[in-house]
N, C-alpha and C. Protein backbone atom coordinates (compact mmCIF):
# COMPACT_ATOMS: atom_id res chain seq x y z
N MET A 1 0.84 -1.18 0.00
CA MET A 1 0.00 0.00 0.00
C MET A 1 0.89 1.25 0.00
N ALA A 2 0.47 2.23 -0.78
CA ALA A 2 1.23 3.47 -0.89
C ALA A 2 0.74 4.49 0.13
N LYS A 3 1.61 5.42 0.47
CA LYS A 3 1.25 6.55 1.33
C LYS A 3 1.25 7.81 0.48
N CYS A 4 0.30 8.70 0.77
CA CYS A 4 0.21 9.96 0.05
C CYS A 4 1.44 10.80 0.35
N GLY A 5 2.07 11.33 -0.70
CA GLY A 5 3.25 12.16 -0.54
C GLY A 5 2.97 13.51 0.06
N TYR A 6 1.70 13.90 0.15
CA TYR A 6 1.35 15.18 0.74
C TYR A 6 0.79 15.03 2.15
N CYS A 7 -0.32 14.29 2.29
CA CYS A 7 -1.00 14.23 3.59
C CYS A 7 -0.60 13.02 4.42
N GLY A 8 0.09 12.04 3.82
CA GLY A 8 0.55 10.89 4.57
C GLY A 8 -0.48 9.80 4.76
N SER A 9 -1.67 9.95 4.19
CA SER A 9 -2.72 8.93 4.32
C SER A 9 -2.34 7.68 3.53
N THR A 10 -2.81 6.54 3.99
CA THR A 10 -2.61 5.29 3.26
C THR A 10 -3.58 5.24 2.10
N ILE A 11 -3.08 4.92 0.92
CA ILE A 11 -3.91 4.85 -0.27
C ILE A 11 -4.26 3.38 -0.51
N LEU A 12 -5.51 3.04 -0.25
CA LEU A 12 -5.95 1.66 -0.42
C LEU A 12 -6.26 1.36 -1.89
N PHE A 13 -7.02 2.24 -2.53
CA PHE A 13 -7.41 2.05 -3.92
C PHE A 13 -7.24 3.36 -4.67
N GLY A 14 -6.87 3.26 -5.93
CA GLY A 14 -6.80 4.44 -6.78
C GLY A 14 -5.62 5.33 -6.44
N GLY A 15 -5.88 6.61 -6.38
CA GLY A 15 -4.83 7.57 -6.14
C GLY A 15 -4.26 8.08 -7.45
N VAL A 16 -3.30 8.98 -7.34
CA VAL A 16 -2.66 9.60 -8.49
C VAL A 16 -1.15 9.42 -8.33
N GLU A 17 -0.49 9.03 -9.42
CA GLU A 17 0.97 8.89 -9.37
C GLU A 17 1.59 9.92 -10.29
N GLU A 18 2.60 10.62 -9.79
CA GLU A 18 3.29 11.65 -10.56
C GLU A 18 4.77 11.58 -10.23
N ARG A 19 5.59 11.29 -11.24
CA ARG A 19 7.05 11.25 -11.09
C ARG A 19 7.51 10.37 -9.92
N GLY A 20 6.88 9.21 -9.79
CA GLY A 20 7.27 8.27 -8.75
C GLY A 20 6.70 8.55 -7.37
N HIS A 21 5.89 9.61 -7.24
CA HIS A 21 5.25 9.94 -5.97
C HIS A 21 3.77 9.60 -6.07
N HIS A 22 3.22 9.10 -4.97
CA HIS A 22 1.80 8.73 -4.92
C HIS A 22 1.03 9.77 -4.12
N PHE A 23 -0.18 10.11 -4.59
CA PHE A 23 -1.04 11.07 -3.92
C PHE A 23 -2.46 10.52 -3.86
N CYS A 24 -3.22 10.93 -2.84
CA CYS A 24 -4.62 10.47 -2.67
C CYS A 24 -5.46 10.85 -3.88
N ASN A 25 -5.31 12.09 -4.32
CA ASN A 25 -6.16 12.63 -5.37
C ASN A 25 -5.46 13.83 -5.99
N ASN A 26 -6.12 14.49 -6.92
CA ASN A 26 -5.51 15.63 -7.60
C ASN A 26 -5.28 16.81 -6.67
N GLN A 27 -6.11 16.95 -5.64
CA GLN A 27 -5.93 18.04 -4.67
C GLN A 27 -4.62 17.84 -3.90
N CYS A 28 -4.36 16.62 -3.45
CA CYS A 28 -3.10 16.33 -2.75
C CYS A 28 -1.91 16.48 -3.70
N LEU A 29 -2.09 16.11 -4.97
CA LEU A 29 -1.04 16.29 -5.96
C LEU A 29 -0.67 17.75 -6.09
N SER A 30 -1.68 18.61 -6.22
CA SER A 30 -1.45 20.05 -6.32
C SER A 30 -0.78 20.59 -5.06
N SER A 31 -1.24 20.13 -3.91
CA SER A 31 -0.65 20.56 -2.65
C SER A 31 0.78 20.05 -2.50
N GLY A 32 1.06 18.89 -3.11
CA GLY A 32 2.43 18.36 -3.08
C GLY A 32 3.39 19.28 -3.80
N TYR A 33 2.96 19.86 -4.91
CA TYR A 33 3.79 20.85 -5.60
C TYR A 33 4.03 22.07 -4.71
N ALA A 34 2.98 22.48 -3.99
CA ALA A 34 3.11 23.61 -3.08
C ALA A 34 4.09 23.27 -1.95
N ALA A 35 4.12 22.01 -1.54
CA ALA A 35 5.04 21.59 -0.48
C ALA A 35 6.49 21.76 -0.92
N VAL A 36 6.75 21.44 -2.18
CA VAL A 36 8.11 21.62 -2.71
C VAL A 36 8.46 23.10 -2.73
N ALA A 37 7.52 23.93 -3.18
CA ALA A 37 7.76 25.38 -3.22
C ALA A 37 7.92 25.95 -1.82
N SER A 38 7.22 25.36 -0.84
CA SER A 38 7.27 25.89 0.52
C SER A 38 8.64 25.72 1.17
N GLU A 39 9.42 24.78 0.67
CA GLU A 39 10.76 24.57 1.22
C GLU A 39 11.68 25.76 0.96
N GLN A 40 11.29 26.62 0.03
CA GLN A 40 12.09 27.80 -0.30
C GLN A 40 11.77 29.00 0.59
N VAL A 41 10.73 28.89 1.41
CA VAL A 41 10.33 30.00 2.28
C VAL A 41 11.25 30.01 3.51
N PRO A 42 11.89 31.14 3.81
CA PRO A 42 12.79 31.21 4.97
C PRO A 42 12.04 30.97 6.29
N PRO A 43 12.66 30.25 7.23
CA PRO A 43 12.02 29.94 8.52
C PRO A 43 11.55 31.18 9.29
N GLU A 44 12.30 32.27 9.21
CA GLU A 44 11.91 33.47 9.96
C GLU A 44 10.63 34.09 9.40
N VAL A 45 10.38 33.93 8.10
CA VAL A 45 9.14 34.43 7.50
C VAL A 45 7.97 33.58 7.99
N VAL A 46 8.16 32.26 8.02
CA VAL A 46 7.12 31.35 8.51
C VAL A 46 6.80 31.68 9.96
N GLU A 47 7.83 31.85 10.78
CA GLU A 47 7.66 32.15 12.21
C GLU A 47 6.88 33.46 12.40
N SER A 48 7.21 34.47 11.62
CA SER A 48 6.54 35.76 11.72
C SER A 48 5.04 35.64 11.41
N PHE A 49 4.71 34.97 10.31
CA PHE A 49 3.31 34.80 9.93
C PHE A 49 2.56 33.93 10.94
N ALA A 50 3.21 32.85 11.40
CA ALA A 50 2.56 31.94 12.38
C ALA A 50 2.26 32.69 13.67
N LYS A 51 3.18 33.51 14.12
CA LYS A 51 2.98 34.27 15.35
C LYS A 51 1.84 35.28 15.18
N GLU A 52 1.78 35.91 14.02
CA GLU A 52 0.71 36.88 13.74
C GLU A 52 -0.66 36.19 13.76
N ILE A 53 -0.77 35.02 13.16
CA ILE A 53 -2.03 34.27 13.17
C ILE A 53 -2.37 33.83 14.58
N HIS A 54 -1.39 33.28 15.30
CA HIS A 54 -1.59 32.76 16.65
C HIS A 54 -2.12 33.85 17.60
N GLU A 55 -1.62 35.05 17.46
CA GLU A 55 -2.00 36.15 18.34
C GLU A 55 -3.21 36.94 17.83
N GLY A 56 -3.72 36.57 16.66
CA GLY A 56 -4.83 37.30 16.06
C GLY A 56 -6.20 36.82 16.53
N THR A 57 -7.22 37.21 15.79
CA THR A 57 -8.59 36.81 16.11
C THR A 57 -8.96 35.54 15.34
N CYS A 58 -9.90 34.82 15.87
CA CYS A 58 -10.37 33.58 15.25
C CYS A 58 -11.06 33.90 13.92
N PRO A 59 -10.68 33.23 12.84
CA PRO A 59 -11.32 33.51 11.55
C PRO A 59 -12.78 33.03 11.48
N ILE A 60 -13.21 32.22 12.44
CA ILE A 60 -14.59 31.71 12.42
C ILE A 60 -15.51 32.58 13.27
N CYS A 61 -15.18 32.74 14.55
CA CYS A 61 -16.08 33.48 15.45
C CYS A 61 -15.65 34.93 15.67
N LYS A 62 -14.50 35.29 15.14
CA LYS A 62 -13.92 36.64 15.29
C LYS A 62 -13.57 36.97 16.74
N GLY A 63 -13.52 35.95 17.59
CA GLY A 63 -13.14 36.13 18.99
C GLY A 63 -11.63 36.19 19.16
N ARG A 64 -11.21 36.49 20.38
CA ARG A 64 -9.78 36.59 20.68
C ARG A 64 -9.13 35.21 20.64
N GLY A 65 -7.87 35.21 20.32
CA GLY A 65 -7.08 33.97 20.26
C GLY A 65 -6.74 33.48 21.64
N PRO A 66 -5.81 32.58 21.76
CA PRO A 66 -4.88 32.19 20.71
C PRO A 66 -5.55 31.35 19.63
N VAL A 67 -5.05 31.50 18.43
CA VAL A 67 -5.54 30.78 17.27
C VAL A 67 -4.48 29.75 16.88
N ASP A 68 -4.91 28.55 16.61
CA ASP A 68 -3.97 27.49 16.20
C ASP A 68 -4.72 26.49 15.34
N VAL A 69 -4.07 25.39 15.01
CA VAL A 69 -4.68 24.34 14.20
C VAL A 69 -5.35 23.34 15.13
N HIS A 70 -6.63 23.11 14.91
CA HIS A 70 -7.39 22.11 15.65
C HIS A 70 -7.92 21.13 14.62
N VAL A 71 -7.67 19.85 14.85
CA VAL A 71 -8.04 18.81 13.88
C VAL A 71 -9.23 18.02 14.42
N SER A 72 -10.26 17.89 13.59
CA SER A 72 -11.40 17.05 13.95
C SER A 72 -11.43 15.87 12.98
N HIS A 73 -11.94 14.75 13.47
CA HIS A 73 -11.95 13.51 12.70
C HIS A 73 -13.39 12.98 12.65
N ARG A 74 -13.76 12.40 11.51
CA ARG A 74 -15.11 11.85 11.42
C ARG A 74 -15.11 10.59 10.56
N VAL A 75 -16.17 9.82 10.74
CA VAL A 75 -16.39 8.61 9.95
C VAL A 75 -17.89 8.44 9.76
N TRP A 76 -18.29 7.99 8.58
CA TRP A 76 -19.69 7.64 8.34
C TRP A 76 -19.70 6.42 7.43
N SER A 77 -20.73 5.62 7.56
CA SER A 77 -20.79 4.35 6.83
C SER A 77 -22.19 4.06 6.33
N ILE A 78 -22.23 3.30 5.23
CA ILE A 78 -23.47 2.75 4.70
C ILE A 78 -23.14 1.33 4.22
N LEU A 79 -23.62 0.35 4.92
CA LEU A 79 -23.45 -1.07 4.61
C LEU A 79 -21.99 -1.46 4.35
N VAL A 80 -21.56 -1.52 3.09
CA VAL A 80 -20.19 -1.94 2.79
C VAL A 80 -19.28 -0.77 2.43
N MET A 81 -19.76 0.45 2.58
CA MET A 81 -18.97 1.63 2.25
C MET A 81 -18.75 2.45 3.51
N THR A 82 -17.49 2.76 3.79
CA THR A 82 -17.15 3.59 4.94
C THR A 82 -16.21 4.69 4.48
N SER A 83 -16.45 5.90 4.96
CA SER A 83 -15.58 7.04 4.64
C SER A 83 -15.10 7.66 5.95
N TRP A 84 -13.79 7.86 6.07
CA TRP A 84 -13.26 8.54 7.24
C TRP A 84 -12.30 9.61 6.78
N SER A 85 -12.25 10.68 7.55
CA SER A 85 -11.41 11.82 7.16
C SER A 85 -11.02 12.64 8.38
N SER A 86 -9.98 13.45 8.19
CA SER A 86 -9.51 14.37 9.22
C SER A 86 -9.55 15.77 8.62
N HIS A 87 -9.93 16.75 9.46
CA HIS A 87 -10.13 18.11 8.98
C HIS A 87 -9.38 19.11 9.86
N PRO A 88 -8.19 19.53 9.43
CA PRO A 88 -7.50 20.58 10.20
C PRO A 88 -8.15 21.93 9.94
N GLN A 89 -8.24 22.73 10.98
CA GLN A 89 -8.87 24.04 10.85
C GLN A 89 -8.12 25.04 11.71
N ILE A 90 -7.82 26.20 11.15
CA ILE A 90 -7.18 27.26 11.92
C ILE A 90 -8.30 28.04 12.60
N CYS A 91 -8.33 27.98 13.94
CA CYS A 91 -9.39 28.63 14.70
C CYS A 91 -9.00 28.70 16.18
N CYS A 92 -9.86 29.31 16.97
CA CYS A 92 -9.64 29.37 18.42
C CYS A 92 -10.00 28.03 19.05
N ARG A 93 -9.66 27.86 20.30
CA ARG A 93 -9.92 26.61 21.02
C ARG A 93 -11.41 26.29 21.06
N SER A 94 -12.24 27.29 21.30
CA SER A 94 -13.68 27.08 21.40
C SER A 94 -14.26 26.56 20.09
N CYS A 95 -13.91 27.17 18.98
CA CYS A 95 -14.41 26.73 17.67
C CYS A 95 -13.88 25.33 17.33
N GLY A 96 -12.62 25.06 17.66
CA GLY A 96 -12.05 23.74 17.43
C GLY A 96 -12.77 22.67 18.24
N LEU A 97 -13.08 22.98 19.49
CA LEU A 97 -13.79 22.04 20.35
C LEU A 97 -15.20 21.75 19.82
N LYS A 98 -15.89 22.79 19.35
CA LYS A 98 -17.24 22.60 18.79
C LYS A 98 -17.18 21.66 17.58
N ARG A 99 -16.19 21.85 16.73
CA ARG A 99 -16.05 21.00 15.54
C ARG A 99 -15.73 19.56 15.93
N GLN A 100 -14.84 19.39 16.91
CA GLN A 100 -14.49 18.04 17.37
C GLN A 100 -15.70 17.34 18.00
N LEU A 101 -16.46 18.07 18.82
CA LEU A 101 -17.67 17.49 19.42
C LEU A 101 -18.70 17.12 18.36
N GLY A 102 -18.88 17.98 17.38
CA GLY A 102 -19.84 17.71 16.31
C GLY A 102 -19.45 16.48 15.49
N ASN A 103 -18.18 16.38 15.14
CA ASN A 103 -17.73 15.22 14.37
C ASN A 103 -17.72 13.95 15.20
N THR A 104 -17.52 14.07 16.52
CA THR A 104 -17.62 12.90 17.40
C THR A 104 -19.06 12.39 17.40
N ALA A 105 -20.02 13.31 17.54
CA ALA A 105 -21.44 12.93 17.53
C ALA A 105 -21.83 12.31 16.20
N LEU A 106 -21.41 12.92 15.10
CA LEU A 106 -21.70 12.38 13.77
C LEU A 106 -21.14 10.97 13.63
N SER A 107 -19.91 10.77 14.08
CA SER A 107 -19.26 9.46 13.98
C SER A 107 -19.97 8.42 14.84
N LEU A 108 -20.39 8.82 16.05
CA LEU A 108 -21.07 7.87 16.93
C LEU A 108 -22.43 7.45 16.37
N VAL A 109 -23.09 8.33 15.65
CA VAL A 109 -24.40 8.01 15.09
C VAL A 109 -24.27 7.27 13.75
N PHE A 110 -23.42 7.76 12.85
CA PHE A 110 -23.37 7.24 11.49
C PHE A 110 -22.14 6.39 11.16
N GLY A 111 -21.20 6.27 12.08
CA GLY A 111 -19.96 5.57 11.77
C GLY A 111 -20.04 4.06 11.78
N TRP A 112 -20.91 3.50 12.56
CA TRP A 112 -20.94 2.05 12.80
C TRP A 112 -21.56 1.24 11.68
N TRP A 113 -22.27 1.85 10.76
CA TRP A 113 -23.17 1.14 9.86
C TRP A 113 -22.50 0.48 8.66
N GLY A 114 -21.19 0.46 8.61
CA GLY A 114 -20.49 -0.21 7.51
C GLY A 114 -19.67 -1.37 8.00
N PHE A 115 -19.63 -2.45 7.23
CA PHE A 115 -18.85 -3.62 7.62
C PHE A 115 -17.74 -3.81 6.60
N PRO A 116 -16.51 -4.01 7.03
CA PRO A 116 -15.99 -4.08 8.39
C PRO A 116 -15.43 -2.76 8.89
N TRP A 117 -15.17 -1.80 7.97
CA TRP A 117 -14.40 -0.61 8.35
C TRP A 117 -15.14 0.33 9.30
N GLY A 118 -16.45 0.38 9.24
CA GLY A 118 -17.19 1.23 10.17
C GLY A 118 -16.96 0.81 11.61
N LEU A 119 -16.96 -0.49 11.83
CA LEU A 119 -16.73 -1.02 13.18
C LEU A 119 -15.31 -0.77 13.67
N VAL A 120 -14.37 -0.73 12.74
CA VAL A 120 -12.96 -0.51 13.09
C VAL A 120 -12.66 0.98 13.25
N MET A 121 -13.09 1.78 12.28
CA MET A 121 -12.68 3.19 12.24
C MET A 121 -13.46 4.10 13.19
N THR A 122 -14.68 3.74 13.55
CA THR A 122 -15.46 4.60 14.44
C THR A 122 -14.76 4.81 15.78
N PRO A 123 -14.34 3.75 16.49
CA PRO A 123 -13.66 4.00 17.76
C PRO A 123 -12.32 4.73 17.59
N ILE A 124 -11.65 4.50 16.47
CA ILE A 124 -10.38 5.18 16.22
C ILE A 124 -10.61 6.68 16.06
N GLN A 125 -11.55 7.07 15.19
CA GLN A 125 -11.80 8.49 14.95
C GLN A 125 -12.38 9.19 16.18
N VAL A 126 -13.26 8.51 16.90
CA VAL A 126 -13.80 9.09 18.14
C VAL A 126 -12.68 9.27 19.15
N GLY A 127 -11.81 8.27 19.27
CA GLY A 127 -10.66 8.38 20.18
C GLY A 127 -9.72 9.52 19.80
N ARG A 128 -9.51 9.72 18.52
CA ARG A 128 -8.65 10.82 18.06
C ARG A 128 -9.27 12.17 18.43
N ASN A 129 -10.60 12.29 18.33
CA ASN A 129 -11.27 13.52 18.74
C ASN A 129 -11.15 13.75 20.24
N VAL A 130 -11.36 12.70 21.02
CA VAL A 130 -11.26 12.82 22.48
C VAL A 130 -9.84 13.23 22.86
N PHE A 131 -8.85 12.63 22.22
CA PHE A 131 -7.45 13.00 22.48
C PHE A 131 -7.21 14.47 22.13
N GLY A 132 -7.74 14.90 20.98
CA GLY A 132 -7.58 16.29 20.55
C GLY A 132 -8.25 17.28 21.49
N MET A 133 -9.38 16.88 22.07
CA MET A 133 -10.07 17.75 23.02
C MET A 133 -9.31 17.83 24.35
N ALA A 134 -8.68 16.73 24.72
CA ALA A 134 -7.95 16.69 26.00
C ALA A 134 -6.59 17.35 25.91
N PHE A 135 -5.93 17.23 24.78
CA PHE A 135 -4.57 17.75 24.62
C PHE A 135 -4.54 18.76 23.49
N ASN A 136 -4.95 19.98 23.80
CA ASN A 136 -5.00 21.04 22.80
C ASN A 136 -3.64 21.70 22.64
N PRO A 137 -3.43 22.44 21.54
CA PRO A 137 -2.16 23.14 21.32
C PRO A 137 -1.86 24.15 22.42
N SER A 138 -0.59 24.41 22.62
CA SER A 138 -0.16 25.35 23.64
C SER A 138 -0.71 26.76 23.36
N PRO A 139 -1.25 27.43 24.37
CA PRO A 139 -1.74 28.79 24.15
C PRO A 139 -0.61 29.83 24.12
N THR A 140 0.61 29.43 24.46
CA THR A 140 1.71 30.39 24.56
C THR A 140 2.52 30.56 23.28
N LYS A 141 2.47 29.56 22.39
CA LYS A 141 3.26 29.66 21.16
C LYS A 141 2.58 28.88 20.05
N PRO A 142 2.83 29.24 18.79
CA PRO A 142 2.24 28.51 17.66
C PRO A 142 2.75 27.07 17.62
N SER A 143 1.87 26.14 17.26
CA SER A 143 2.24 24.73 17.17
C SER A 143 3.00 24.45 15.87
N GLU A 144 3.58 23.27 15.81
CA GLU A 144 4.26 22.84 14.57
C GLU A 144 3.25 22.69 13.44
N LYS A 145 2.02 22.28 13.76
CA LYS A 145 0.99 22.17 12.73
C LYS A 145 0.68 23.53 12.12
N LEU A 146 0.61 24.56 12.96
CA LEU A 146 0.36 25.91 12.44
C LEU A 146 1.53 26.36 11.57
N HIS A 147 2.74 26.11 12.04
CA HIS A 147 3.91 26.44 11.21
C HIS A 147 3.84 25.73 9.86
N GLY A 148 3.45 24.46 9.86
CA GLY A 148 3.34 23.69 8.62
C GLY A 148 2.29 24.25 7.68
N MET A 149 1.12 24.61 8.24
CA MET A 149 0.06 25.17 7.39
C MET A 149 0.45 26.53 6.84
N VAL A 150 1.11 27.35 7.66
CA VAL A 150 1.57 28.66 7.18
C VAL A 150 2.60 28.47 6.08
N ARG A 151 3.53 27.54 6.28
CA ARG A 151 4.55 27.26 5.27
C ARG A 151 3.90 26.83 3.95
N MET A 152 2.86 25.98 4.04
CA MET A 152 2.17 25.53 2.83
C MET A 152 1.44 26.68 2.13
N GLN A 153 0.79 27.55 2.91
CA GLN A 153 0.10 28.69 2.31
C GLN A 153 1.09 29.61 1.61
N LEU A 154 2.21 29.87 2.25
CA LEU A 154 3.23 30.71 1.62
C LEU A 154 3.83 30.04 0.39
N GLY A 155 4.01 28.71 0.45
CA GLY A 155 4.50 27.96 -0.70
C GLY A 155 3.54 28.03 -1.88
N SER A 156 2.24 27.95 -1.60
CA SER A 156 1.23 28.06 -2.65
C SER A 156 1.28 29.43 -3.30
N LYS A 157 1.42 30.46 -2.47
CA LYS A 157 1.50 31.82 -3.02
C LYS A 157 2.77 32.00 -3.86
N LEU A 158 3.87 31.42 -3.39
CA LEU A 158 5.14 31.49 -4.12
C LEU A 158 5.02 30.78 -5.45
N MET A 159 4.37 29.61 -5.44
CA MET A 159 4.19 28.84 -6.67
C MET A 159 3.29 29.60 -7.65
N ALA A 160 2.23 30.24 -7.15
CA ALA A 160 1.33 31.01 -8.03
C ALA A 160 2.04 32.22 -8.61
N ALA A 161 2.94 32.84 -7.84
CA ALA A 161 3.65 34.01 -8.32
C ALA A 161 4.63 33.65 -9.43
N LYS A 162 5.15 32.42 -9.40
CA LYS A 162 6.11 31.99 -10.43
C LYS A 162 5.44 31.61 -11.73
N GLN A 163 4.13 31.37 -11.70
CA GLN A 163 3.43 30.93 -12.92
C GLN A 163 3.01 32.06 -13.77
């Protein structure tokens, strides 16, 4: 089984291959190009932007920060089909918690109904949400996830400017 060169997910079926690299889909392929461009962004520029975001207002509720990356996980199933995903979001702790609680509820209601993956992935995704709610990013400094997302955004802008 291949791993996505951008998001690191395991690719069970399908995917996209480009120059010996495997990607989940065309979106991850495009983001993979941005990842290469992001390596050219100086660390001090990434740190400056990450700090500005961290100390700013929440883009969702417009409330005070700290703002960081909060990841919610969900799963839903129908008989023999199961879909699971993770959703990183730059927001305040309160908005991140609401999203994690919502996706936990969705997973608990709709995750079990697929065989066999619904039975396997539902407790995993619910557990990941519970872990995320219990161990949130530090309020004193930007997390590595925020640095990574900022680096990717700057890499995308750099790639667009070169085209």
